[in-house]
Amino acid sequence: MTLRSVRARYRNGVLEPLDPIDLTEDEEVLLTITGQTVRPATDPGGLSKSAGAWAGQFDDFDQLIQDIYQARIDGSREP
């Protein structure tokens, strides 16, 4: 038995694979749905429009990275 993940889109009652799959006609498979919802960006150009917005905001990038990792460890919410 081979285990692999394939992205798919549900449309009109049918799951359409978004990645190539190597199956023979009428081959049966076991489908497990994880409930992960992936939605396309509403503004695909938004990322490029924001490029450079943080320029000049930080002098010490190494410290910024350390602060970000520490914030992840500490958590941002009260217990």
N, C-alpha and C. Protein backbone atom coordinates (compact mmCIF):
# COMPACT_ATOMS: atom_id res chain seq x y z
N MET A 1 0.85 -1.17 0.00
CA MET A 1 0.00 0.00 0.00
C MET A 1 0.89 1.23 0.00
N THR A 2 0.61 2.17 -0.86
CA THR A 2 1.37 3.40 -0.98
C THR A 2 0.55 4.55 -0.39
N LEU A 3 1.19 5.37 0.43
CA LEU A 3 0.54 6.52 1.03
C LEU A 3 1.14 7.78 0.43
N ARG A 4 0.29 8.65 -0.10
CA ARG A 4 0.75 9.92 -0.64
C ARG A 4 -0.37 10.93 -0.56
N SER A 5 -0.04 12.18 -0.65
CA SER A 5 -1.02 13.25 -0.60
C SER A 5 -1.14 13.90 -1.97
N VAL A 6 -2.36 14.21 -2.34
CA VAL A 6 -2.64 14.87 -3.61
C VAL A 6 -3.62 16.00 -3.34
N ARG A 7 -3.29 17.19 -3.75
CA ARG A 7 -4.23 18.30 -3.60
C ARG A 7 -5.37 18.12 -4.58
N ALA A 8 -6.57 18.52 -4.16
CA ALA A 8 -7.74 18.41 -5.02
C ALA A 8 -8.69 19.56 -4.74
N ARG A 9 -9.56 19.82 -5.69
CA ARG A 9 -10.58 20.85 -5.54
C ARG A 9 -11.94 20.19 -5.70
N TYR A 10 -12.85 20.52 -4.80
CA TYR A 10 -14.22 19.99 -4.85
C TYR A 10 -15.06 20.96 -5.66
N ARG A 11 -15.63 20.48 -6.75
CA ARG A 11 -16.43 21.34 -7.62
C ARG A 11 -17.55 20.52 -8.24
N ASN A 12 -18.78 21.00 -8.10
CA ASN A 12 -19.95 20.34 -8.68
C ASN A 12 -20.05 18.87 -8.28
N GLY A 13 -19.75 18.59 -7.00
CA GLY A 13 -19.90 17.24 -6.49
C GLY A 13 -18.78 16.29 -6.86
N VAL A 14 -17.69 16.81 -7.44
CA VAL A 14 -16.59 15.96 -7.88
C VAL A 14 -15.27 16.51 -7.35
N LEU A 15 -14.39 15.64 -6.86
CA LEU A 15 -13.05 16.05 -6.47
C LEU A 15 -12.16 16.02 -7.70
N GLU A 16 -11.57 17.16 -8.02
CA GLU A 16 -10.69 17.27 -9.19
C GLU A 16 -9.25 17.38 -8.69
N PRO A 17 -8.37 16.41 -9.04
CA PRO A 17 -6.97 16.48 -8.60
C PRO A 17 -6.29 17.72 -9.17
N LEU A 18 -5.50 18.39 -8.34
CA LEU A 18 -4.71 19.54 -8.78
C LEU A 18 -3.28 19.15 -9.08
N ASP A 19 -2.90 17.96 -8.67
CA ASP A 19 -1.57 17.43 -8.91
C ASP A 19 -1.70 16.18 -9.78
N PRO A 20 -0.68 15.85 -10.55
CA PRO A 20 -0.74 14.65 -11.36
C PRO A 20 -0.86 13.40 -10.48
N ILE A 21 -1.66 12.46 -10.92
CA ILE A 21 -1.79 11.19 -10.20
C ILE A 21 -1.59 10.05 -11.19
N ASP A 22 -1.01 8.98 -10.71
CA ASP A 22 -0.71 7.83 -11.55
C ASP A 22 -1.63 6.69 -11.13
N LEU A 23 -2.84 6.68 -11.67
CA LEU A 23 -3.82 5.64 -11.37
C LEU A 23 -4.30 5.02 -12.67
N THR A 24 -4.68 3.77 -12.59
CA THR A 24 -5.27 3.12 -13.76
C THR A 24 -6.78 3.33 -13.73
N GLU A 25 -7.40 3.24 -14.87
CA GLU A 25 -8.85 3.41 -14.98
C GLU A 25 -9.57 2.43 -14.06
N ASP A 26 -10.54 2.91 -13.31
CA ASP A 26 -11.35 2.13 -12.37
C ASP A 26 -10.58 1.64 -11.15
N GLU A 27 -9.38 2.14 -10.92
CA GLU A 27 -8.64 1.77 -9.71
C GLU A 27 -9.32 2.41 -8.51
N GLU A 28 -9.46 1.65 -7.45
CA GLU A 28 -10.08 2.16 -6.23
C GLU A 28 -9.00 2.66 -5.29
N VAL A 29 -9.31 3.76 -4.60
CA VAL A 29 -8.39 4.34 -3.64
C VAL A 29 -9.17 4.67 -2.36
N LEU A 30 -8.46 4.83 -1.26
CA LEU A 30 -9.05 5.26 0.00
C LEU A 30 -8.81 6.75 0.14
N LEU A 31 -9.86 7.52 0.27
CA LEU A 31 -9.76 8.97 0.34
C LEU A 31 -9.93 9.42 1.78
N THR A 32 -8.97 10.20 2.28
CA THR A 32 -9.06 10.76 3.62
C THR A 32 -9.07 12.27 3.48
N ILE A 33 -10.07 12.92 4.02
CA ILE A 33 -10.20 14.38 3.91
C ILE A 33 -9.77 14.99 5.24
N THR A 34 -8.80 15.90 5.19
CA THR A 34 -8.25 16.49 6.40
C THR A 34 -8.99 17.76 6.82
N GLY A 35 -9.80 18.31 5.96
CA GLY A 35 -10.52 19.52 6.30
C GLY A 35 -9.71 20.78 6.11
N GLN A 36 -8.56 20.68 5.51
CA GLN A 36 -7.71 21.83 5.24
C GLN A 36 -8.33 22.63 4.11
N THR A 37 -8.56 23.90 4.36
CA THR A 37 -9.15 24.76 3.35
C THR A 37 -8.08 25.67 2.79
N VAL A 38 -7.87 25.60 1.51
CA VAL A 38 -6.91 26.47 0.84
C VAL A 38 -7.69 27.35 -0.11
N ARG A 39 -7.60 28.63 0.10
CA ARG A 39 -8.33 29.57 -0.74
C ARG A 39 -7.33 30.43 -1.51
N PRO A 40 -7.64 30.70 -2.76
CA PRO A 40 -6.74 31.56 -3.53
C PRO A 40 -6.74 32.98 -2.96
N ALA A 41 -5.66 33.67 -3.13
CA ALA A 41 -5.55 35.05 -2.66
C ALA A 41 -6.56 35.92 -3.38
N THR A 42 -7.20 36.83 -2.66
CA THR A 42 -8.17 37.72 -3.29
C THR A 42 -7.46 38.78 -4.13
N ASP A 43 -6.24 39.11 -3.74
CA ASP A 43 -5.45 40.09 -4.48
C ASP A 43 -4.08 39.50 -4.77
N PRO A 44 -3.95 38.74 -5.88
CA PRO A 44 -2.68 38.08 -6.14
C PRO A 44 -1.50 39.03 -6.29
N GLY A 45 -1.74 40.29 -6.58
CA GLY A 45 -0.65 41.25 -6.72
C GLY A 45 -0.30 41.96 -5.43
N GLY A 46 -1.02 41.63 -4.35
CA GLY A 46 -0.82 42.32 -3.08
C GLY A 46 0.57 42.18 -2.51
N LEU A 47 1.15 41.00 -2.65
CA LEU A 47 2.49 40.79 -2.11
C LEU A 47 3.50 41.67 -2.81
N SER A 48 3.45 41.73 -4.13
CA SER A 48 4.42 42.55 -4.85
C SER A 48 4.20 44.04 -4.59
N LYS A 49 2.94 44.42 -4.34
CA LYS A 49 2.66 45.83 -4.03
C LYS A 49 3.26 46.24 -2.69
N SER A 50 3.38 45.28 -1.78
CA SER A 50 3.89 45.60 -0.45
C SER A 50 5.42 45.46 -0.36
N ALA A 51 6.06 45.05 -1.42
CA ALA A 51 7.51 44.85 -1.39
C ALA A 51 8.21 46.15 -1.02
N GLY A 52 9.12 46.06 -0.07
CA GLY A 52 9.89 47.22 0.34
C GLY A 52 9.22 48.08 1.40
N ALA A 53 8.03 47.70 1.83
CA ALA A 53 7.29 48.51 2.80
C ALA A 53 8.02 48.60 4.14
N TRP A 54 8.82 47.61 4.49
CA TRP A 54 9.53 47.61 5.77
C TRP A 54 10.96 48.12 5.63
N ALA A 55 11.32 48.61 4.48
CA ALA A 55 12.68 49.08 4.26
C ALA A 55 13.01 50.20 5.24
N GLY A 56 14.16 50.09 5.88
CA GLY A 56 14.60 51.11 6.81
C GLY A 56 13.98 51.02 8.20
N GLN A 57 13.12 50.03 8.44
CA GLN A 57 12.45 49.91 9.73
C GLN A 57 13.32 49.23 10.79
N PHE A 58 14.28 48.42 10.37
CA PHE A 58 15.08 47.64 11.32
C PHE A 58 16.56 47.79 11.00
N ASP A 59 17.33 48.02 12.04
CA ASP A 59 18.78 48.15 11.86
C ASP A 59 19.49 46.81 12.05
N ASP A 60 18.97 45.96 12.94
CA ASP A 60 19.63 44.71 13.29
C ASP A 60 18.71 43.54 12.93
N PHE A 61 18.88 42.99 11.74
CA PHE A 61 18.01 41.91 11.28
C PHE A 61 18.19 40.63 12.09
N ASP A 62 19.40 40.37 12.54
CA ASP A 62 19.63 39.19 13.37
C ASP A 62 18.82 39.27 14.66
N GLN A 63 18.77 40.46 15.26
CA GLN A 63 17.99 40.64 16.49
C GLN A 63 16.50 40.50 16.19
N LEU A 64 16.06 41.02 15.06
CA LEU A 64 14.65 40.88 14.66
C LEU A 64 14.27 39.41 14.56
N ILE A 65 15.11 38.61 13.92
CA ILE A 65 14.84 37.19 13.77
C ILE A 65 14.79 36.51 15.13
N GLN A 66 15.73 36.84 16.00
CA GLN A 66 15.73 36.27 17.35
C GLN A 66 14.46 36.66 18.11
N ASP A 67 14.03 37.90 17.97
CA ASP A 67 12.81 38.37 18.64
C ASP A 67 11.58 37.62 18.13
N ILE A 68 11.53 37.38 16.83
CA ILE A 68 10.40 36.65 16.26
C ILE A 68 10.36 35.23 16.79
N TYR A 69 11.48 34.55 16.80
CA TYR A 69 11.52 33.18 17.32
C TYR A 69 11.18 33.13 18.81
N GLN A 70 11.68 34.11 19.56
CA GLN A 70 11.38 34.14 21.00
C GLN A 70 9.89 34.39 21.22
N ALA A 71 9.28 35.24 20.42
CA ALA A 71 7.84 35.49 20.53
C ALA A 71 7.04 34.23 20.26
N ARG A 72 7.50 33.41 19.32
CA ARG A 72 6.83 32.14 19.03
C ARG A 72 6.94 31.19 20.23
N ILE A 73 8.09 31.19 20.88
CA ILE A 73 8.29 30.33 22.05
C ILE A 73 7.43 30.83 23.22
N ASP A 74 7.45 32.13 23.47
CA ASP A 74 6.71 32.71 24.58
C ASP A 74 5.20 32.68 24.35
N GLY A 75 4.79 32.78 23.11
CA GLY A 75 3.36 32.87 22.79
C GLY A 75 2.88 34.29 22.93
N SER A 76 1.88 34.63 22.19
CA SER A 76 1.38 36.00 22.19
C SER A 76 0.05 36.11 22.94
N ARG A 77 -0.46 34.99 23.47
CA ARG A 77 -1.74 35.04 24.16
C ARG A 77 -1.56 34.68 25.63
N GLU A 78 -2.43 35.23 26.42
CA GLU A 78 -2.41 34.91 27.84
C GLU A 78 -2.94 33.49 28.03
N PRO A 79 -2.38 32.74 28.99
CA PRO A 79 -2.85 31.36 29.20
C PRO A 79 -4.28 31.32 29.72
